[in-house]
């Protein structure tokens, strides 16, 4: 006969396994979404430009490149709103 403690341990183990599987599926979904977004954006700017943008970002450090582009994008949006 299985005790309450053993049943509870089995239930916890099953829940932990389920959680691990769900985390794994979530990671796969995030990766797929990132790949789709990258593909969509690459199509918008073209493969050669996307590669050039990434090469330049690597040269100046990605964080610096992102900050500079965000600053330019914010200024461009503000300028378009004022026009």
N, C-alpha and C. Protein backbone atom coordinates (compact mmCIF):
# COMPACT_ATOMS: atom_id res chain seq x y z
N UNK A 1 0.84 -1.17 0.00
CA UNK A 1 0.00 0.00 0.00
C UNK A 1 0.89 1.25 0.00
N UNK A 2 0.49 2.22 -0.81
CA UNK A 2 1.27 3.44 -0.96
C UNK A 2 0.79 4.47 0.07
N UNK A 3 1.74 5.02 0.77
CA UNK A 3 1.38 6.00 1.80
C UNK A 3 1.09 7.36 1.18
N UNK A 4 0.49 8.24 1.98
CA UNK A 4 0.19 9.60 1.52
C UNK A 4 1.47 10.33 1.13
N UNK A 5 2.52 10.12 1.90
CA UNK A 5 3.80 10.77 1.63
C UNK A 5 4.34 10.31 0.28
N UNK A 6 4.28 9.02 0.02
CA UNK A 6 4.79 8.49 -1.26
C UNK A 6 3.97 9.02 -2.44
N UNK A 7 2.65 9.10 -2.25
CA UNK A 7 1.79 9.64 -3.32
C UNK A 7 2.13 11.10 -3.58
N UNK A 8 2.34 11.84 -2.52
CA UNK A 8 2.67 13.26 -2.66
C UNK A 8 4.03 13.43 -3.35
N UNK A 9 5.00 12.60 -2.98
CA UNK A 9 6.31 12.65 -3.62
C UNK A 9 6.20 12.33 -5.11
N UNK A 10 5.39 11.35 -5.45
CA UNK A 10 5.19 10.97 -6.85
C UNK A 10 4.52 12.11 -7.61
N UNK A 11 3.56 12.75 -6.99
CA UNK A 11 2.86 13.87 -7.63
C UNK A 11 3.81 15.04 -7.86
N UNK A 12 4.64 15.31 -6.88
CA UNK A 12 5.62 16.41 -7.02
C UNK A 12 6.61 16.08 -8.13
N UNK A 13 7.07 14.85 -8.19
CA UNK A 13 8.02 14.46 -9.22
C UNK A 13 7.38 14.60 -10.61
N UNK A 14 6.13 14.20 -10.74
CA UNK A 14 5.43 14.32 -12.02
C UNK A 14 5.26 15.80 -12.40
N UNK A 15 4.93 16.62 -11.42
CA UNK A 15 4.77 18.06 -11.68
C UNK A 15 6.10 18.69 -12.09
N UNK A 16 7.19 18.28 -11.45
CA UNK A 16 8.51 18.80 -11.80
C UNK A 16 8.88 18.41 -13.23
N UNK A 17 8.57 17.15 -13.61
CA UNK A 17 8.85 16.70 -14.97
C UNK A 17 8.02 17.49 -15.98
N UNK A 18 6.75 17.72 -15.64
CA UNK A 18 5.88 18.50 -16.52
C UNK A 18 6.41 19.92 -16.67
N UNK A 19 6.83 20.52 -15.57
CA UNK A 19 7.37 21.87 -15.60
C UNK A 19 8.63 21.94 -16.47
N UNK A 20 9.49 20.96 -16.33
CA UNK A 20 10.72 20.93 -17.14
C UNK A 20 10.38 20.84 -18.63
N UNK A 21 9.39 20.03 -18.98
CA UNK A 21 8.98 19.90 -20.38
C UNK A 21 8.38 21.21 -20.89
N UNK A 22 7.56 21.85 -20.07
CA UNK A 22 6.95 23.12 -20.47
C UNK A 22 8.01 24.20 -20.65
N UNK A 23 9.01 24.22 -19.78
CA UNK A 23 10.10 25.19 -19.93
C UNK A 23 10.87 24.94 -21.22
N UNK A 24 11.07 23.68 -21.54
CA UNK A 24 11.78 23.31 -22.76
C UNK A 24 10.97 23.76 -23.99
N UNK A 25 9.65 23.51 -23.98
CA UNK A 25 8.79 23.95 -25.09
C UNK A 25 8.78 25.47 -25.21
N UNK A 26 8.74 26.15 -24.08
CA UNK A 26 8.75 27.61 -24.09
C UNK A 26 10.04 28.14 -24.71
N UNK A 27 11.16 27.54 -24.35
CA UNK A 27 12.45 27.96 -24.92
C UNK A 27 12.45 27.74 -26.43
N UNK A 28 11.88 26.63 -26.88
CA UNK A 28 11.81 26.35 -28.32
C UNK A 28 10.92 27.37 -29.02
N UNK A 29 9.79 27.72 -28.40
CA UNK A 29 8.89 28.71 -28.98
C UNK A 29 9.55 30.08 -29.07
N UNK A 30 10.29 30.46 -28.03
CA UNK A 30 11.00 31.74 -28.05
C UNK A 30 12.03 31.76 -29.17
N UNK A 31 12.73 30.65 -29.33
CA UNK A 31 13.74 30.57 -30.39
C UNK A 31 13.09 30.68 -31.76
N UNK A 32 11.96 29.99 -31.95
CA UNK A 32 11.25 30.05 -33.23
C UNK A 32 10.76 31.47 -33.51
N UNK A 33 10.22 32.14 -32.49
CA UNK A 33 9.74 33.51 -32.67
C UNK A 33 10.88 34.45 -33.02
N UNK A 34 12.02 34.27 -32.36
CA UNK A 34 13.18 35.11 -32.66
C UNK A 34 13.65 34.88 -34.09
N UNK A 35 13.65 33.63 -34.53
CA UNK A 35 14.08 33.32 -35.89
C UNK A 35 13.11 33.93 -36.91
N UNK A 36 11.81 33.88 -36.62
CA UNK A 36 10.82 34.47 -37.52
C UNK A 36 11.01 35.99 -37.60
N UNK A 37 11.21 36.61 -36.45
CA UNK A 37 11.40 38.06 -36.41
C UNK A 37 12.67 38.46 -37.17
N UNK A 38 13.74 37.70 -36.97
CA UNK A 38 14.99 37.97 -37.68
C UNK A 38 14.79 37.82 -39.18
N UNK A 39 14.08 36.80 -39.58
CA UNK A 39 13.82 36.57 -41.01
C UNK A 39 12.98 37.70 -41.59
N UNK A 40 11.95 38.12 -40.86
CA UNK A 40 11.07 39.20 -41.32
C UNK A 40 11.86 40.50 -41.48
N UNK A 41 12.68 40.82 -40.48
CA UNK A 41 13.46 42.06 -40.54
C UNK A 41 14.54 42.01 -41.62
N UNK A 42 15.14 40.84 -41.79
CA UNK A 42 16.15 40.67 -42.83
C UNK A 42 15.53 40.88 -44.20
N UNK A 43 14.31 40.40 -44.39
CA UNK A 43 13.63 40.60 -45.67
C UNK A 43 13.35 42.08 -45.90
N UNK A 44 13.04 42.83 -44.84
CA UNK A 44 12.73 44.25 -44.98
C UNK A 44 13.95 45.05 -45.43
N UNK A 45 15.11 44.77 -44.85
CA UNK A 45 16.29 45.56 -45.18
C UNK A 45 17.19 44.90 -46.22
N UNK A 46 16.96 43.64 -46.48
CA UNK A 46 17.80 42.91 -47.42
C UNK A 46 18.93 42.21 -46.68
N UNK A 47 19.35 41.11 -47.24
CA UNK A 47 20.36 40.28 -46.58
C UNK A 47 21.71 40.99 -46.46
N UNK A 48 22.13 41.66 -47.53
CA UNK A 48 23.43 42.33 -47.51
C UNK A 48 23.46 43.45 -46.47
N UNK A 49 22.39 44.24 -46.39
CA UNK A 49 22.34 45.32 -45.41
C UNK A 49 22.26 44.77 -43.98
N UNK A 50 21.51 43.70 -43.81
CA UNK A 50 21.40 43.09 -42.48
C UNK A 50 22.77 42.62 -42.01
N UNK A 51 23.51 42.00 -42.90
CA UNK A 51 24.86 41.53 -42.56
C UNK A 51 25.76 42.72 -42.23
N UNK A 52 25.67 43.77 -43.03
CA UNK A 52 26.50 44.97 -42.80
C UNK A 52 26.15 45.62 -41.47
N UNK A 53 24.86 45.72 -41.16
CA UNK A 53 24.44 46.29 -39.88
C UNK A 53 25.00 45.48 -38.72
N UNK A 54 24.94 44.18 -38.84
CA UNK A 54 25.46 43.33 -37.76
C UNK A 54 26.97 43.43 -37.65
N UNK A 55 27.66 43.48 -38.78
CA UNK A 55 29.12 43.63 -38.74
C UNK A 55 29.52 44.93 -38.05
N UNK A 56 28.83 46.01 -38.39
CA UNK A 56 29.14 47.30 -37.77
C UNK A 56 28.79 47.30 -36.29
N UNK A 57 27.69 46.66 -35.94
CA UNK A 57 27.30 46.58 -34.52
C UNK A 57 28.36 45.84 -33.72
N UNK A 58 28.92 44.81 -34.30
CA UNK A 58 29.97 44.04 -33.61
C UNK A 58 31.22 44.89 -33.43
N UNK A 59 31.54 45.70 -34.44
CA UNK A 59 32.73 46.54 -34.35
C UNK A 59 32.64 47.57 -33.23
N UNK A 60 31.46 48.18 -33.06
CA UNK A 60 31.32 49.24 -32.06
C UNK A 60 30.69 48.74 -30.76
N UNK A 61 30.54 47.47 -30.62
CA UNK A 61 29.91 46.82 -29.48
C UNK A 61 28.39 46.94 -29.64
N UNK A 62 27.68 45.83 -29.57
CA UNK A 62 26.23 45.81 -29.79
C UNK A 62 25.44 46.80 -28.94
N UNK A 63 25.80 46.94 -27.67
CA UNK A 63 25.06 47.85 -26.79
C UNK A 63 25.16 49.28 -27.28
N UNK A 64 26.35 49.69 -27.68
CA UNK A 64 26.58 51.05 -28.17
C UNK A 64 25.80 51.26 -29.47
N UNK A 65 25.82 50.27 -30.35
CA UNK A 65 25.11 50.37 -31.62
C UNK A 65 23.61 50.49 -31.39
N UNK A 66 23.07 49.69 -30.49
CA UNK A 66 21.64 49.74 -30.19
C UNK A 66 21.26 51.11 -29.64
N UNK A 67 22.05 51.61 -28.70
CA UNK A 67 21.76 52.92 -28.11
C UNK A 67 21.79 54.02 -29.17
N UNK A 68 22.78 53.97 -30.06
CA UNK A 68 22.88 54.99 -31.10
C UNK A 68 21.69 54.91 -32.06
N UNK A 69 21.33 53.70 -32.45
CA UNK A 69 20.20 53.54 -33.37
C UNK A 69 18.89 53.94 -32.71
N UNK A 70 18.73 53.61 -31.44
CA UNK A 70 17.52 54.02 -30.73
C UNK A 70 17.42 55.53 -30.64
N UNK A 71 18.55 56.19 -30.42
CA UNK A 71 18.58 57.65 -30.34
C UNK A 71 18.18 58.25 -31.69
N UNK A 72 18.73 57.71 -32.77
CA UNK A 72 18.40 58.19 -34.11
C UNK A 72 16.93 57.92 -34.42
N UNK A 73 16.46 56.73 -34.08
CA UNK A 73 15.06 56.37 -34.35
C UNK A 73 14.10 57.25 -33.57
N UNK A 74 14.42 57.55 -32.33
CA UNK A 74 13.58 58.41 -31.50
C UNK A 74 13.55 59.82 -32.09
N UNK A 75 14.70 60.31 -32.52
CA UNK A 75 14.77 61.63 -33.15
C UNK A 75 14.00 61.66 -34.46
N UNK A 76 14.07 60.60 -35.23
CA UNK A 76 13.34 60.53 -36.50
C UNK A 76 11.85 60.50 -36.26
N UNK A 77 11.40 59.80 -35.26
CA UNK A 77 9.98 59.74 -34.93
C UNK A 77 9.49 61.09 -34.43
N UNK A 78 10.27 61.72 -33.61
CA UNK A 78 9.91 63.04 -33.11
C UNK A 78 9.85 64.06 -34.22
N UNK A 79 10.79 63.99 -35.14
CA UNK A 79 10.81 64.92 -36.27
C UNK A 79 9.62 64.68 -37.20
N UNK A 80 9.23 63.43 -37.39
CA UNK A 80 8.09 63.12 -38.24
C UNK A 80 6.79 63.57 -37.58
N UNK A 81 6.72 63.51 -36.27
CA UNK A 81 5.52 63.93 -35.54
C UNK A 81 5.36 65.44 -35.60
N UNK A 82 6.47 66.17 -35.65
CA UNK A 82 6.42 67.62 -35.67
C UNK A 82 6.13 68.15 -37.07
N UNK A 83 6.35 67.35 -38.09
CA UNK A 83 6.16 67.80 -39.47
C UNK A 83 4.72 67.90 -39.87
